[in-house]
Structures are given as C-alpha cells and as structure tokens.
Amino acid sequence: QRFLNPKKQELHDPYLMYDMDKAVARIQKAVINGEKILIYGDYDA
C-alpha cells in the first residue's frame, strides 16, 4: 500500500529532526529583528 500509493503517505513531522526547534526559533528571531541572513548553498542541482 505504501509503495503503490506514495502520494497518499503522510510526511514525517519535521520536529523529529535534531535541532529543528532550535533552528526555527533562531530564524524567527532573525526575521523579527530584521537580521541579514545568508543562505549558503552548493553548486549542484
């Protein structure tokens, strides 16, 4: 069922990931305070 109906499967709770709550709180603080944020990526797709 899971394999044949992938679009119907629920996505996992992001807060199960380590430090997610900490990251979200820090970003929200930066947005509220108007801090300048750098998104540093990678050169592949």
ModelCIF file with pLDDT and N, C-alpha, C, O atoms, coordinates in Angstrom:
data_MODEL
#
_entry.id   MODEL 
#
_entity.id                         1 
_entity.type                       polymer 
_entity.pdbx_number_of_molecules   1 
#
_entity_poly.entity_id                      1 
_entity_poly.type                           'polypeptide(L)' 
_entity_poly.nstd_linkage                   no 
_entity_poly.nstd_monomer                   no 
_entity_poly.pdbx_seq_one_letter_code       QRFLNPKKQELHDPYLMYDMDKAVARIQKAVINGEKILIYGDYDA 
_entity_poly.pdbx_seq_one_letter_code_can   QRFLNPKKQELHDPYLMYDMDKAVARIQKAVINGEKILIYGDYDA 
_entity_poly.pdbx_strand_id                 A 
#
loop_
_entity_poly_seq.entity_id 
_entity_poly_seq.num 
_entity_poly_seq.mon_id 
_entity_poly_seq.hetero 
1 1  GLN n 
1 2  ARG n 
1 3  PHE n 
1 4  LEU n 
1 5  ASN n 
1 6  PRO n 
1 7  LYS n 
1 8  LYS n 
1 9  GLN n 
1 10 GLU n 
1 11 LEU n 
1 12 HIS n 
1 13 ASP n 
1 14 PRO n 
1 15 TYR n 
1 16 LEU n 
1 17 MET n 
1 18 TYR n 
1 19 ASP n 
1 20 MET n 
1 21 ASP n 
1 22 LYS n 
1 23 ALA n 
1 24 VAL n 
1 25 ALA n 
1 26 ARG n 
1 27 ILE n 
1 28 GLN n 
1 29 LYS n 
1 30 ALA n 
1 31 VAL n 
1 32 ILE n 
1 33 ASN n 
1 34 GLY n 
1 35 GLU n 
1 36 LYS n 
1 37 ILE n 
1 38 LEU n 
1 39 ILE n 
1 40 TYR n 
1 41 GLY n 
1 42 ASP n 
1 43 TYR n 
1 44 ASP n 
1 45 ALA n 
#
_struct_asym.id          A 
_struct_asym.entity_id   1 
#
loop_
_ma_qa_metric.id 
_ma_qa_metric.mode 
_ma_qa_metric.name 
_ma_qa_metric.software_group_id 
_ma_qa_metric.type 
1 global pLDDT . pLDDT 
2 local  pLDDT . pLDDT 
#
_ma_qa_metric_global.metric_id      1 
_ma_qa_metric_global.metric_value   95.44 
_ma_qa_metric_global.model_id       1 
_ma_qa_metric_global.ordinal_id     1 
#
loop_
_ma_qa_metric_local.label_asym_id 
_ma_qa_metric_local.label_comp_id 
_ma_qa_metric_local.label_seq_id 
_ma_qa_metric_local.metric_id 
_ma_qa_metric_local.metric_value 
_ma_qa_metric_local.model_id 
_ma_qa_metric_local.ordinal_id 
A GLN 1  2 89.00 1 1  
A ARG 2  2 90.00 1 2  
A PHE 3  2 92.00 1 3  
A LEU 4  2 91.00 1 4  
A ASN 5  2 91.00 1 5  
A PRO 6  2 92.00 1 6  
A LYS 7  2 89.00 1 7  
A LYS 8  2 85.00 1 8  
A GLN 9  2 87.00 1 9  
A GLU 10 2 89.00 1 10 
A LEU 11 2 95.00 1 11 
A HIS 12 2 97.00 1 12 
A ASP 13 2 97.00 1 13 
A PRO 14 2 97.00 1 14 
A TYR 15 2 97.00 1 15 
A LEU 16 2 97.00 1 16 
A MET 17 2 97.00 1 17 
A TYR 18 2 96.00 1 18 
A ASP 19 2 97.00 1 19 
A MET 20 2 98.00 1 20 
A ASP 21 2 97.00 1 21 
A LYS 22 2 98.00 1 22 
A ALA 23 2 98.00 1 23 
A VAL 24 2 98.00 1 24 
A ALA 25 2 98.00 1 25 
A ARG 26 2 98.00 1 26 
A ILE 27 2 98.00 1 27 
A GLN 28 2 98.00 1 28 
A LYS 29 2 98.00 1 29 
A ALA 30 2 98.00 1 30 
A VAL 31 2 98.00 1 31 
A ILE 32 2 98.00 1 32 
A ASN 33 2 97.00 1 33 
A GLY 34 2 97.00 1 34 
A GLU 35 2 98.00 1 35 
A LYS 36 2 98.00 1 36 
A ILE 37 2 98.00 1 37 
A LEU 38 2 98.00 1 38 
A ILE 39 2 98.00 1 39 
A TYR 40 2 98.00 1 40 
A GLY 41 2 97.00 1 41 
A ASP 42 2 95.00 1 42 
A TYR 43 2 93.00 1 43 
A ASP 44 2 94.00 1 44 
A ALA 45 2 96.00 1 45 
#
loop_
_atom_site.group_PDB 
_atom_site.id 
_atom_site.type_symbol 
_atom_site.label_atom_id 
_atom_site.label_alt_id 
_atom_site.label_comp_id 
_atom_site.label_asym_id 
_atom_site.label_entity_id 
_atom_site.label_seq_id 
_atom_site.pdbx_PDB_ins_code 
_atom_site.Cartn_x 
_atom_site.Cartn_y 
_atom_site.Cartn_z 
_atom_site.occupancy 
_atom_site.B_iso_or_equiv 
_atom_site.pdbx_formal_charge 
_atom_site.auth_seq_id 
_atom_site.auth_comp_id 
_atom_site.auth_asym_id 
_atom_site.auth_atom_id 
_atom_site.pdbx_PDB_model_num 
ATOM 1   N N  . GLN A 1 1  ? 0.828  -1.211 0.000  1.00 89.00 ? 1  GLN A N  1 
ATOM 2   C CA . GLN A 1 1  ? 0.000  0.000  0.000  1.00 89.00 ? 1  GLN A CA 1 
ATOM 3   C C  . GLN A 1 1  ? 0.862  1.260  0.000  1.00 89.00 ? 1  GLN A C  1 
ATOM 4   O O  . GLN A 1 1  ? 0.610  2.198  -0.757 1.00 89.00 ? 1  GLN A O  1 
ATOM 5   N N  . ARG A 1 2  ? 1.873  1.268  0.853  1.00 90.00 ? 2  ARG A N  1 
ATOM 6   C CA . ARG A 1 2  ? 2.755  2.440  0.925  1.00 90.00 ? 2  ARG A CA 1 
ATOM 7   C C  . ARG A 1 2  ? 3.498  2.643  -0.389 1.00 90.00 ? 2  ARG A C  1 
ATOM 8   O O  . ARG A 1 2  ? 3.642  3.766  -0.874 1.00 90.00 ? 2  ARG A O  1 
ATOM 9   N N  . PHE A 1 3  ? 3.969  1.529  -0.957 1.00 92.00 ? 3  PHE A N  1 
ATOM 10  C CA . PHE A 1 3  ? 4.770  1.644  -2.177 1.00 92.00 ? 3  PHE A CA 1 
ATOM 11  C C  . PHE A 1 3  ? 3.920  2.067  -3.370 1.00 92.00 ? 3  PHE A C  1 
ATOM 12  O O  . PHE A 1 3  ? 4.332  2.921  -4.155 1.00 92.00 ? 3  PHE A O  1 
ATOM 13  N N  . LEU A 1 4  ? 2.740  1.476  -3.508 1.00 91.00 ? 4  LEU A N  1 
ATOM 14  C CA . LEU A 1 4  ? 1.913  1.735  -4.678 1.00 91.00 ? 4  LEU A CA 1 
ATOM 15  C C  . LEU A 1 4  ? 1.136  3.043  -4.604 1.00 91.00 ? 4  LEU A C  1 
ATOM 16  O O  . LEU A 1 4  ? 0.627  3.523  -5.617 1.00 91.00 ? 4  LEU A O  1 
ATOM 17  N N  . ASN A 1 5  ? 1.045  3.613  -3.423 1.00 91.00 ? 5  ASN A N  1 
ATOM 18  C CA . ASN A 1 5  ? 0.293  4.868  -3.268 1.00 91.00 ? 5  ASN A CA 1 
ATOM 19  C C  . ASN A 1 5  ? 1.140  5.920  -2.564 1.00 91.00 ? 5  ASN A C  1 
ATOM 20  O O  . ASN A 1 5  ? 0.756  6.401  -1.498 1.00 91.00 ? 5  ASN A O  1 
ATOM 21  N N  . PRO A 1 6  ? 2.284  6.286  -3.135 1.00 92.00 ? 6  PRO A N  1 
ATOM 22  C CA . PRO A 1 6  ? 3.200  7.190  -2.431 1.00 92.00 ? 6  PRO A CA 1 
ATOM 23  C C  . PRO A 1 6  ? 2.591  8.560  -2.137 1.00 92.00 ? 6  PRO A C  1 
ATOM 24  O O  . PRO A 1 6  ? 2.927  9.176  -1.125 1.00 92.00 ? 6  PRO A O  1 
ATOM 25  N N  . LYS A 1 7  ? 1.703  9.045  -3.002 1.00 89.00 ? 7  LYS A N  1 
ATOM 26  C CA . LYS A 1 7  ? 1.154  10.390 -2.807 1.00 89.00 ? 7  LYS A CA 1 
ATOM 27  C C  . LYS A 1 7  ? 0.196  10.463 -1.619 1.00 89.00 ? 7  LYS A C  1 
ATOM 28  O O  . LYS A 1 7  ? -0.119 11.545 -1.124 1.00 89.00 ? 7  LYS A O  1 
ATOM 29  N N  . LYS A 1 8  ? -0.261 9.291  -1.171 1.00 85.00 ? 8  LYS A N  1 
ATOM 30  C CA . LYS A 1 8  ? -1.205 9.271  -0.053 1.00 85.00 ? 8  LYS A CA 1 
ATOM 31  C C  . LYS A 1 8  ? -0.512 9.115  1.301  1.00 85.00 ? 8  LYS A C  1 
ATOM 32  O O  . LYS A 1 8  ? -1.156 9.186  2.348  1.00 85.00 ? 8  LYS A O  1 
ATOM 33  N N  . GLN A 1 9  ? 0.801  8.904  1.270  1.00 87.00 ? 9  GLN A N  1 
ATOM 34  C CA . GLN A 1 9  ? 1.526  8.695  2.522  1.00 87.00 ? 9  GLN A CA 1 
ATOM 35  C C  . GLN A 1 9  ? 1.771  10.028 3.231  1.00 87.00 ? 9  GLN A C  1 
ATOM 36  O O  . GLN A 1 9  ? 2.097  11.032 2.597  1.00 87.00 ? 9  GLN A O  1 
ATOM 37  N N  . GLU A 1 10 ? 1.613  10.022 4.520  1.00 89.00 ? 10 GLU A N  1 
ATOM 38  C CA . GLU A 1 10 ? 1.836  11.245 5.289  1.00 89.00 ? 10 GLU A CA 1 
ATOM 39  C C  . GLU A 1 10 ? 3.328  11.528 5.412  1.00 89.00 ? 10 GLU A C  1 
ATOM 40  O O  . GLU A 1 10 ? 4.137  10.609 5.544  1.00 89.00 ? 10 GLU A O  1 
ATOM 41  N N  . LEU A 1 11 ? 3.684  12.810 5.366  1.00 95.00 ? 11 LEU A N  1 
ATOM 42  C CA . LEU A 1 11 ? 5.072  13.214 5.542  1.00 95.00 ? 11 LEU A CA 1 
ATOM 43  C C  . LEU A 1 11 ? 5.393  13.255 7.032  1.00 95.00 ? 11 LEU A C  1 
ATOM 44  O O  . LEU A 1 11 ? 4.523  13.542 7.854  1.00 95.00 ? 11 LEU A O  1 
ATOM 45  N N  . HIS A 1 12 ? 6.635  12.970 7.372  1.00 97.00 ? 12 HIS A N  1 
ATOM 46  C CA . HIS A 1 12 ? 7.041  12.922 8.779  1.00 97.00 ? 12 HIS A CA 1 
ATOM 47  C C  . HIS A 1 12 ? 7.099  14.325 9.390  1.00 97.00 ? 12 HIS A C  1 
ATOM 48  O O  . HIS A 1 12 ? 7.305  15.323 8.699  1.00 97.00 ? 12 HIS A O  1 
ATOM 49  N N  . ASP A 1 13 ? 6.913  14.358 10.687 1.00 97.00 ? 13 ASP A N  1 
ATOM 50  C CA . ASP A 1 13 ? 6.973  15.611 11.453 1.00 97.00 ? 13 ASP A CA 1 
ATOM 51  C C  . ASP A 1 13 ? 8.403  16.159 11.414 1.00 97.00 ? 13 ASP A C  1 
ATOM 52  O O  . ASP A 1 13 ? 9.322  15.476 11.865 1.00 97.00 ? 13 ASP A O  1 
ATOM 53  N N  . PRO A 1 14 ? 8.617  17.368 10.890 1.00 97.00 ? 14 PRO A N  1 
ATOM 54  C CA . PRO A 1 14 ? 9.978  17.912 10.797 1.00 97.00 ? 14 PRO A CA 1 
ATOM 55  C C  . PRO A 1 14 ? 10.651 18.068 12.158 1.00 97.00 ? 14 PRO A C  1 
ATOM 56  O O  . PRO A 1 14 ? 11.878 18.062 12.252 1.00 97.00 ? 14 PRO A O  1 
ATOM 57  N N  . TYR A 1 15 ? 9.844  18.208 13.211 1.00 97.00 ? 15 TYR A N  1 
ATOM 58  C CA . TYR A 1 15 ? 10.431 18.425 14.540 1.00 97.00 ? 15 TYR A CA 1 
ATOM 59  C C  . TYR A 1 15 ? 11.031 17.156 15.144 1.00 97.00 ? 15 TYR A C  1 
ATOM 60  O O  . TYR A 1 15 ? 11.620 17.200 16.224 1.00 97.00 ? 15 TYR A O  1 
ATOM 61  N N  . LEU A 1 16 ? 10.883 16.021 14.444 1.00 97.00 ? 16 LEU A N  1 
ATOM 62  C CA . LEU A 1 16 ? 11.576 14.817 14.869 1.00 97.00 ? 16 LEU A CA 1 
ATOM 63  C C  . LEU A 1 16 ? 13.072 14.892 14.552 1.00 97.00 ? 16 LEU A C  1 
ATOM 64  O O  . LEU A 1 16 ? 13.871 14.095 15.044 1.00 97.00 ? 16 LEU A O  1 
ATOM 65  N N  . MET A 1 17 ? 13.424 15.869 13.719 1.00 97.00 ? 17 MET A N  1 
ATOM 66  C CA . MET A 1 17 ? 14.818 16.041 13.340 1.00 97.00 ? 17 MET A CA 1 
ATOM 67  C C  . MET A 1 17 ? 15.540 16.835 14.430 1.00 97.00 ? 17 MET A C  1 
ATOM 68  O O  . MET A 1 17 ? 15.010 17.808 14.968 1.00 97.00 ? 17 MET A O  1 
ATOM 69  N N  . TYR A 1 18 ? 16.738 16.405 14.736 1.00 96.00 ? 18 TYR A N  1 
ATOM 70  C CA . TYR A 1 18 ? 17.524 17.027 15.798 1.00 96.00 ? 18 TYR A CA 1 
ATOM 71  C C  . TYR A 1 18 ? 17.744 18.511 15.505 1.00 96.00 ? 18 TYR A C  1 
ATOM 72  O O  . TYR A 1 18 ? 18.017 18.883 14.363 1.00 96.00 ? 18 TYR A O  1 
ATOM 73  N N  . ASP A 1 19 ? 17.629 19.349 16.515 1.00 97.00 ? 19 ASP A N  1 
ATOM 74  C CA . ASP A 1 19 ? 17.885 20.793 16.453 1.00 97.00 ? 19 ASP A CA 1 
ATOM 75  C C  . ASP A 1 19 ? 16.881 21.566 15.606 1.00 97.00 ? 19 ASP A C  1 
ATOM 76  O O  . ASP A 1 19 ? 17.078 22.760 15.379 1.00 97.00 ? 19 ASP A O  1 
ATOM 77  N N  . MET A 1 20 ? 15.790 20.917 15.122 1.00 98.00 ? 20 MET A N  1 
ATOM 78  C CA . MET A 1 20 ? 14.836 21.640 14.287 1.00 98.00 ? 20 MET A CA 1 
ATOM 79  C C  . MET A 1 20 ? 14.175 22.777 15.071 1.00 98.00 ? 20 MET A C  1 
ATOM 80  O O  . MET A 1 20 ? 14.037 23.890 14.561 1.00 98.00 ? 20 MET A O  1 
ATOM 81  N N  . ASP A 1 21 ? 13.772 22.494 16.298 1.00 97.00 ? 21 ASP A N  1 
ATOM 82  C CA . ASP A 1 21 ? 13.120 23.540 17.099 1.00 97.00 ? 21 ASP A CA 1 
ATOM 83  C C  . ASP A 1 21 ? 14.063 24.703 17.349 1.00 97.00 ? 21 ASP A C  1 
ATOM 84  O O  . ASP A 1 21 ? 13.654 25.864 17.320 1.00 97.00 ? 21 ASP A O  1 
ATOM 85  N N  . LYS A 1 22 ? 15.326 24.387 17.596 1.00 98.00 ? 22 LYS A N  1 
ATOM 86  C CA . LYS A 1 22 ? 16.334 25.411 17.850 1.00 98.00 ? 22 LYS A CA 1 
ATOM 87  C C  . LYS A 1 22 ? 16.577 26.267 16.600 1.00 98.00 ? 22 LYS A C  1 
ATOM 88  O O  . LYS A 1 22 ? 16.710 27.487 16.690 1.00 98.00 ? 22 LYS A O  1 
ATOM 89  N N  . ALA A 1 23 ? 16.633 25.618 15.446 1.00 98.00 ? 23 ALA A N  1 
ATOM 90  C CA . ALA A 1 23 ? 16.857 26.325 14.186 1.00 98.00 ? 23 ALA A CA 1 
ATOM 91  C C  . ALA A 1 23 ? 15.680 27.242 13.875 1.00 98.00 ? 23 ALA A C  1 
ATOM 92  O O  . ALA A 1 23 ? 15.868 28.394 13.484 1.00 98.00 ? 23 ALA A O  1 
ATOM 93  N N  . VAL A 1 24 ? 14.464 26.724 14.050 1.00 98.00 ? 24 VAL A N  1 
ATOM 94  C CA . VAL A 1 24 ? 13.270 27.516 13.761 1.00 98.00 ? 24 VAL A CA 1 
ATOM 95  C C  . VAL A 1 24 ? 13.211 28.754 14.658 1.00 98.00 ? 24 VAL A C  1 
ATOM 96  O O  . VAL A 1 24 ? 12.931 29.856 14.187 1.00 98.00 ? 24 VAL A O  1 
ATOM 97  N N  . ALA A 1 25 ? 13.475 28.565 15.947 1.00 98.00 ? 25 ALA A N  1 
ATOM 98  C CA . ALA A 1 25 ? 13.423 29.693 16.893 1.00 98.00 ? 25 ALA A CA 1 
ATOM 99  C C  . ALA A 1 25 ? 14.453 30.761 16.520 1.00 98.00 ? 25 ALA A C  1 
ATOM 100 O O  . ALA A 1 25 ? 14.159 31.955 16.582 1.00 98.00 ? 25 ALA A O  1 
ATOM 101 N N  . ARG A 1 26 ? 15.656 30.336 16.132 1.00 98.00 ? 26 ARG A N  1 
ATOM 102 C CA . ARG A 1 26 ? 16.710 31.311 15.793 1.00 98.00 ? 26 ARG A CA 1 
ATOM 103 C C  . ARG A 1 26 ? 16.365 32.068 14.518 1.00 98.00 ? 26 ARG A C  1 
ATOM 104 O O  . ARG A 1 26 ? 16.623 33.268 14.425 1.00 98.00 ? 26 ARG A O  1 
ATOM 105 N N  . ILE A 1 27 ? 15.786 31.384 13.534 1.00 98.00 ? 27 ILE A N  1 
ATOM 106 C CA . ILE A 1 27 ? 15.412 32.053 12.283 1.00 98.00 ? 27 ILE A CA 1 
ATOM 107 C C  . ILE A 1 27 ? 14.265 33.030 12.532 1.00 98.00 ? 27 ILE A C  1 
ATOM 108 O O  . ILE A 1 27 ? 14.267 34.145 12.011 1.00 98.00 ? 27 ILE A O  1 
ATOM 109 N N  . GLN A 1 28 ? 13.293 32.607 13.326 1.00 98.00 ? 28 GLN A N  1 
ATOM 110 C CA . GLN A 1 28 ? 12.169 33.509 13.642 1.00 98.00 ? 28 GLN A CA 1 
ATOM 111 C C  . GLN A 1 28 ? 12.671 34.776 14.335 1.00 98.00 ? 28 GLN A C  1 
ATOM 112 O O  . GLN A 1 28 ? 12.195 35.878 14.063 1.00 98.00 ? 28 GLN A O  1 
ATOM 113 N N  . LYS A 1 29 ? 13.625 34.602 15.219 1.00 98.00 ? 29 LYS A N  1 
ATOM 114 C CA . LYS A 1 29 ? 14.219 35.751 15.909 1.00 98.00 ? 29 LYS A CA 1 
ATOM 115 C C  . LYS A 1 29 ? 14.898 36.681 14.910 1.00 98.00 ? 29 LYS A C  1 
ATOM 116 O O  . LYS A 1 29 ? 14.774 37.903 15.002 1.00 98.00 ? 29 LYS A O  1 
ATOM 117 N N  . ALA A 1 30 ? 15.622 36.089 13.950 1.00 98.00 ? 30 ALA A N  1 
ATOM 118 C CA . ALA A 1 30 ? 16.325 36.886 12.951 1.00 98.00 ? 30 ALA A CA 1 
ATOM 119 C C  . ALA A 1 30 ? 15.341 37.661 12.082 1.00 98.00 ? 30 ALA A C  1 
ATOM 120 O O  . ALA A 1 30 ? 15.585 38.815 11.733 1.00 98.00 ? 30 ALA A O  1 
ATOM 121 N N  . VAL A 1 31 ? 14.239 37.025 11.740 1.00 98.00 ? 31 VAL A N  1 
ATOM 122 C CA . VAL A 1 31 ? 13.227 37.685 10.907 1.00 98.00 ? 31 VAL A CA 1 
ATOM 123 C C  . VAL A 1 31 ? 12.605 38.853 11.668 1.00 98.00 ? 31 VAL A C  1 
ATOM 124 O O  . VAL A 1 31 ? 12.450 39.950 11.131 1.00 98.00 ? 31 VAL A O  1 
ATOM 125 N N  . ILE A 1 32 ? 12.257 38.600 12.909 1.00 98.00 ? 32 ILE A N  1 
ATOM 126 C CA . ILE A 1 32 ? 11.631 39.650 13.730 1.00 98.00 ? 32 ILE A CA 1 
ATOM 127 C C  . ILE A 1 32 ? 12.569 40.845 13.901 1.00 98.00 ? 32 ILE A C  1 
ATOM 128 O O  . ILE A 1 32 ? 12.138 41.997 13.850 1.00 98.00 ? 32 ILE A O  1 
ATOM 129 N N  . ASN A 1 33 ? 13.852 40.556 14.105 1.00 97.00 ? 33 ASN A N  1 
ATOM 130 C CA . ASN A 1 33 ? 14.828 41.622 14.358 1.00 97.00 ? 33 ASN A CA 1 
ATOM 131 C C  . ASN A 1 33 ? 15.409 42.228 13.082 1.00 97.00 ? 33 ASN A C  1 
ATOM 132 O O  . ASN A 1 33 ? 16.239 43.135 13.143 1.00 97.00 ? 33 ASN A O  1 
ATOM 133 N N  . GLY A 1 34 ? 14.970 41.724 11.928 1.00 97.00 ? 34 GLY A N  1 
ATOM 134 C CA . GLY A 1 34 ? 15.460 42.273 10.669 1.00 97.00 ? 34 GLY A CA 1 
ATOM 135 C C  . GLY A 1 34 ? 16.925 41.962 10.402 1.00 97.00 ? 34 GLY A C  1 
ATOM 136 O O  . GLY A 1 34 ? 17.600 42.702 9.686  1.00 97.00 ? 34 GLY A O  1 
ATOM 137 N N  . GLU A 1 35 ? 17.422 40.864 10.979 1.00 98.00 ? 35 GLU A N  1 
ATOM 138 C CA . GLU A 1 35 ? 18.826 40.489 10.751 1.00 98.00 ? 35 GLU A CA 1 
ATOM 139 C C  . GLU A 1 35 ? 19.034 40.098 9.285  1.00 98.00 ? 35 GLU A C  1 
ATOM 140 O O  . GLU A 1 35 ? 18.134 39.583 8.623  1.00 98.00 ? 35 GLU A O  1 
ATOM 141 N N  . LYS A 1 36 ? 20.233 40.356 8.812  1.00 98.00 ? 36 LYS A N  1 
ATOM 142 C CA . LYS A 1 36 ? 20.568 39.985 7.437  1.00 98.00 ? 36 LYS A CA 1 
ATOM 143 C C  . LYS A 1 36 ? 21.036 38.531 7.424  1.00 98.00 ? 36 LYS A C  1 
ATOM 144 O O  . LYS A 1 36 ? 21.999 38.171 8.101  1.00 98.00 ? 36 LYS A O  1 
ATOM 145 N N  . ILE A 1 37 ? 20.337 37.696 6.641  1.00 98.00 ? 37 ILE A N  1 
ATOM 146 C CA . ILE A 1 37 ? 20.579 36.251 6.632  1.00 98.00 ? 37 ILE A CA 1 
ATOM 147 C C  . ILE A 1 37 ? 21.244 35.840 5.317  1.00 98.00 ? 37 ILE A C  1 
ATOM 148 O O  . ILE A 1 37 ? 20.829 36.267 4.240  1.00 98.00 ? 37 ILE A O  1 
ATOM 149 N N  . LEU A 1 38 ? 22.277 35.011 5.420  1.00 98.00 ? 38 LEU A N  1 
ATOM 150 C CA . LEU A 1 38 ? 22.929 34.447 4.237  1.00 98.00 ? 38 LEU A CA 1 
ATOM 151 C C  . LEU A 1 38 ? 22.528 32.982 4.099  1.00 98.00 ? 38 LEU A C  1 
ATOM 152 O O  . LEU A 1 38 ? 22.696 32.191 5.027  1.00 98.00 ? 38 LEU A O  1 
ATOM 153 N N  . ILE A 1 39 ? 21.998 32.632 2.933  1.00 98.00 ? 39 ILE A N  1 
ATOM 154 C CA . ILE A 1 39 ? 21.735 31.227 2.614  1.00 98.00 ? 39 ILE A CA 1 
ATOM 155 C C  . ILE A 1 39 ? 22.914 30.747 1.777  1.00 98.00 ? 39 ILE A C  1 
ATOM 156 O O  . ILE A 1 39 ? 23.140 31.213 0.660  1.00 98.00 ? 39 ILE A O  1 
ATOM 157 N N  . TYR A 1 40 ? 23.657 29.804 2.346  1.00 98.00 ? 40 TYR A N  1 
ATOM 158 C CA . TYR A 1 40 ? 24.889 29.341 1.704  1.00 98.00 ? 40 TYR A CA 1 
ATOM 159 C C  . TYR A 1 40 ? 24.653 27.934 1.161  1.00 98.00 ? 40 TYR A C  1 
ATOM 160 O O  . TYR A 1 40 ? 24.508 26.983 1.929  1.00 98.00 ? 40 TYR A O  1 
ATOM 161 N N  . GLY A 1 41 ? 24.614 27.803 -0.179 1.00 97.00 ? 41 GLY A N  1 
ATOM 162 C CA . GLY A 1 41 ? 24.243 26.537 -0.800 1.00 97.00 ? 41 GLY A CA 1 
ATOM 163 C C  . GLY A 1 41 ? 25.406 25.770 -1.393 1.00 97.00 ? 41 GLY A C  1 
ATOM 164 O O  . GLY A 1 41 ? 26.548 25.901 -0.953 1.00 97.00 ? 41 GLY A O  1 
ATOM 165 N N  . ASP A 1 42 ? 25.098 24.976 -2.389 1.00 95.00 ? 42 ASP A N  1 
ATOM 166 C CA . ASP A 1 42 ? 26.102 24.167 -3.087 1.00 95.00 ? 42 ASP A CA 1 
ATOM 167 C C  . ASP A 1 42 ? 25.883 24.340 -4.580 1.00 95.00 ? 42 ASP A C  1 
ATOM 168 O O  . ASP A 1 42 ? 24.831 24.811 -5.013 1.00 95.00 ? 42 ASP A O  1 
ATOM 169 N N  . TYR A 1 43 ? 26.890 23.954 -5.370 1.00 93.00 ? 43 TYR A N  1 
ATOM 170 C CA . TYR A 1 43 ? 26.853 24.252 -6.803 1.00 93.00 ? 43 TYR A CA 1 
ATOM 171 C C  . TYR A 1 43 ? 26.222 23.166 -7.665 1.00 93.00 ? 43 TYR A C  1 
ATOM 172 O O  . TYR A 1 43 ? 26.259 23.272 -8.891 1.00 93.00 ? 43 TYR A O  1 
ATOM 173 N N  . ASP A 1 44 ? 25.641 22.118 -7.063 1.00 94.00 ? 44 ASP A N  1 
ATOM 174 C CA . ASP A 1 44 ? 24.980 21.109 -7.891 1.00 94.00 ? 44 ASP A CA 1 
ATOM 175 C C  . ASP A 1 44 ? 23.468 21.315 -7.863 1.00 94.00 ? 44 ASP A C  1 
ATOM 176 O O  . ASP A 1 44 ? 22.970 22.242 -7.226 1.00 94.00 ? 44 ASP A O  1 
ATOM 177 N N  . ALA A 1 45 ? 22.739 20.431 -8.570 1.00 96.00 ? 45 ALA A N  1 
ATOM 178 C CA . ALA A 1 45 ? 21.289 20.592 -8.695 1.00 96.00 ? 45 ALA A CA 1 
ATOM 179 C C  . ALA A 1 45 ? 20.594 20.537 -7.340 1.00 96.00 ? 45 ALA A C  1 
ATOM 180 O O  . ALA A 1 45 ? 19.371 20.656 -7.268 1.00 96.00 ? 45 ALA A O  1 
#
